[in-house]
Structure formats: structure tokens, C-alpha cells
Protein backbone atom coordinates (compact mmCIF):
# COMPACT_ATOMS: atom_id res chain seq x y z
CA MET A 1 -7.02 7.92 -2.37
CA ARG A 2 -7.49 11.05 -0.27
CA VAL A 3 -7.77 8.88 2.87
CA ALA A 4 -4.56 7.04 1.93
CA LEU A 5 -2.78 10.36 1.35
CA ASP A 6 -3.92 11.56 4.78
CA ALA A 7 -2.55 8.34 6.30
CA ALA A 8 0.75 8.92 4.47
CA ALA A 9 0.95 12.45 5.89
CA ALA A 10 0.34 11.02 9.38
CA ALA A 11 3.20 8.58 8.84
CA ALA A 12 5.50 11.46 7.90
CA ARG A 13 4.55 13.35 11.07
CA ALA A 14 5.52 10.23 13.04
CA GLY A 15 8.92 10.15 11.32
CA GLU A 16 8.01 7.28 9.00
CA VAL A 17 8.35 7.24 5.21
CA PRO A 18 5.02 8.75 4.07
CA VAL A 19 3.07 5.83 2.65
CA GLY A 20 -0.60 5.27 3.39
CA ALA A 21 -3.00 2.50 2.43
CA VAL A 22 -6.74 1.94 2.65
CA VAL A 23 -8.81 -1.21 2.18
CA THR A 24 -12.34 -0.62 0.92
CA LEU A 25 -15.34 -2.89 0.52
CA GLY A 26 -18.19 -1.69 -1.65
CA GLY A 27 -16.74 1.81 -1.56
CA ALA A 28 -16.68 1.95 2.27
CA VAL A 29 -13.42 2.19 4.20
CA VAL A 30 -12.72 -1.03 6.13
CA ALA A 31 -9.17 -0.33 7.30
CA ILE A 32 -6.45 2.31 7.09
CA GLY A 33 -2.72 1.72 7.37
CA SER A 34 0.31 3.97 7.59
CA ASN A 35 3.95 3.01 7.32
CA ALA A 36 5.15 2.08 10.82
CA PRO A 37 8.34 -0.04 10.73
CA ARG A 38 10.36 2.43 12.82
CA THR A 39 7.76 3.18 15.47
CA THR A 40 6.70 -0.48 15.84
CA HIS A 41 10.19 -1.96 15.40
CA ASP A 42 8.66 -4.24 12.77
CA PRO A 43 10.24 -4.34 9.30
CA THR A 44 7.01 -5.79 7.88
CA ALA A 45 4.86 -2.87 9.06
CA HIS A 46 4.47 -1.32 5.61
CA ALA A 47 1.22 0.60 5.12
CA GLU A 48 -0.24 -2.13 2.89
CA ILE A 49 0.47 -4.89 5.42
CA VAL A 50 -0.94 -2.79 8.29
CA ALA A 51 -4.13 -2.10 6.30
CA ILE A 52 -4.55 -5.71 5.09
CA ARG A 53 -4.11 -7.08 8.61
CA ALA A 54 -6.63 -4.60 10.02
CA ALA A 55 -9.14 -5.38 7.25
CA ALA A 56 -8.83 -9.13 7.79
CA ARG A 57 -9.43 -8.63 11.52
CA ALA A 58 -12.36 -6.27 10.93
CA LEU A 59 -14.02 -8.63 8.45
CA GLY A 60 -13.09 -11.80 10.33
CA ARG A 61 -11.51 -13.54 7.35
CA GLU A 62 -8.15 -13.93 5.66
CA ARG A 63 -9.42 -13.63 2.08
CA LEU A 64 -10.34 -10.14 0.94
CA GLU A 65 -11.42 -11.08 -2.59
CA ASP A 66 -14.17 -8.46 -2.71
CA CYS A 67 -11.96 -5.67 -1.34
CA ASP A 68 -9.86 -3.00 -3.02
CA LEU A 69 -6.54 -1.61 -1.81
CA TRP A 70 -5.59 2.02 -2.29
CA VAL A 71 -1.93 2.85 -1.61
CA THR A 72 0.09 5.99 -2.21
CA LEU A 73 3.23 4.22 -3.48
CA GLU A 74 3.79 1.25 -5.77
CA PRO A 75 3.95 -1.82 -3.51
CA CYS A 76 7.22 -3.64 -2.88
CA ALA A 77 7.65 -7.40 -3.38
CA MET A 78 6.63 -8.21 0.21
CA CYS A 79 3.45 -6.17 -0.08
CA ALA A 80 2.65 -7.53 -3.54
CA GLY A 81 2.90 -11.02 -2.05
CA ALA A 82 0.52 -10.06 0.75
CA ILE A 83 -1.90 -8.56 -1.78
CA ALA A 84 -1.89 -11.84 -3.72
CA HIS A 85 -2.33 -13.97 -0.60
CA ALA A 86 -5.20 -11.77 0.61
CA ARG A 87 -6.79 -12.05 -2.85
CA ILE A 88 -7.30 -8.28 -3.09
CA ARG A 89 -9.66 -7.60 -6.01
CA ARG A 90 -8.24 -4.28 -7.21
CA LEU A 91 -5.03 -2.41 -6.47
CA TYR A 92 -4.94 1.35 -6.94
CA TYR A 93 -1.62 3.07 -6.34
CA GLY A 94 -0.24 6.58 -6.67
CA ALA A 95 3.46 7.12 -7.27
CA ASP A 96 5.70 4.68 -9.11
CA ASP A 97 8.70 3.36 -7.18
CA ALA A 98 11.43 2.59 -9.70
CA LYS A 99 13.84 1.55 -6.94
CA GLY A 100 11.68 -0.59 -4.63
CA GLY A 101 8.42 -1.19 -6.46
CA ALA A 102 7.45 -4.68 -7.57
CA VAL A 103 4.31 -4.08 -9.62
CA ALA A 104 5.46 -2.04 -12.64
CA HIS A 105 9.16 -2.20 -11.72
CA GLY A 106 11.68 -4.74 -10.45
CA PRO A 107 10.23 -8.27 -10.36
CA ARG A 108 6.80 -7.22 -11.70
CA PHE A 109 5.35 -9.64 -9.19
CA PHE A 110 1.86 -10.03 -10.64
CA THR A 111 3.19 -11.02 -14.09
CA GLN A 112 5.16 -13.98 -12.75
CA PRO A 113 3.84 -17.45 -13.63
CA THR A 114 4.12 -18.48 -9.97
CA CYS A 115 1.81 -15.68 -8.81
CA HIS A 116 -1.45 -17.36 -7.83
CA HIS A 117 -3.66 -14.24 -7.79
CA ARG A 118 -3.51 -11.09 -9.88
CA PRO A 119 -5.58 -8.08 -8.86
CA GLU A 120 -6.78 -5.55 -11.37
CA ILE A 121 -4.16 -2.78 -11.24
CA TYR A 122 -4.69 0.96 -11.65
CA ALA A 123 -1.57 3.11 -11.36
CA GLY A 124 -1.06 6.86 -11.11
CA ILE A 125 -4.08 7.64 -8.90
CA GLY A 126 -3.09 10.72 -6.88
CA GLU A 127 0.46 10.35 -8.16
CA GLY A 128 1.36 14.04 -7.93
CA ASP A 129 0.28 14.39 -4.31
CA ALA A 130 1.91 11.12 -3.28
CA ALA A 131 5.21 12.00 -4.96
CA ALA A 132 5.17 15.47 -3.40
CA LEU A 133 4.75 13.97 0.09
CA LEU A 134 7.71 11.67 -0.49
CA ARG A 135 9.92 14.43 -1.94
CA SER A 136 9.12 16.77 0.94
CA PHE A 137 9.85 14.07 3.51
CA PHE A 138 13.23 13.17 2.06
CA VAL A 139 14.30 16.80 1.52
CA THR A 140 14.09 17.32 5.27
CA ARG A 141 16.15 14.15 5.87
CA ARG A 142 19.05 14.99 3.55
């Protein structure tokens, strides 16, 4: 999670909402993603999507069933869908997102009967640090 938190901090320095994500395979980092919708002019460039795309390229396959995803913020519905499609084995996330999250909040994507893949989910990993990054970022914006 430390690598994901560092990626989130890098996103904040670039003026992006501080969210970072890391895909690992067997404990080794395969790909790192930071939020980048503003800098790339791509509304789908959430940290999870950036990391999943990079991991798929690095591994040369679209299914990441033996990979884990570490992300600093509870994934939204779009990212939860990408996690399911990529067949991510385990999802570890830091801070809850009561407003935009789709794992423990909102649609609770992975509990839906139409969801074709459900990763193991571990919430609250590095939650304090992730929440502090987000609070600090938005304090400077308001």
C-alpha cells in the first residue's frame, strides 16, 4: 500500500485527486497507476484503470486472475467493473468513499447477481494515510 500512497501523492502534486493504485503478482509490483483524468483529458484515467491497463500490457494478457490490486480509495462503479473484467484476484483498498465508492457503498458492485467475478476484498489498509492525503488535497482547493 505504501507504493500506492506514493502514487497518490504524485497525483496530488500533478493537480489530480490523490488516488494511487498498484497491481502486484506474487508480491512483486507489476504496474503503478495514479489518477490522471485532468492531465490526460481522459475521464476514464482513474488510478485503478491506469494500473490495470499497464499490468495487462506488461503481462501481455487481459486476464489478471493471479494479480492483486492495491488502491488508496474505495473504487467507483467504473473501476469495480474493470476489476471484475480483469478478474483481479484480491482487492485491497484504503479509505472508504461514501459518496462515490461502489464496493462497500452505493451499488455494492461485487454483491450484484450480474457481477461475473468477485475478488476477495480487504478494506481499510492504510486508511488513515489515504484519508489524510485526500483531506489535505481538498483543503487547498476550497
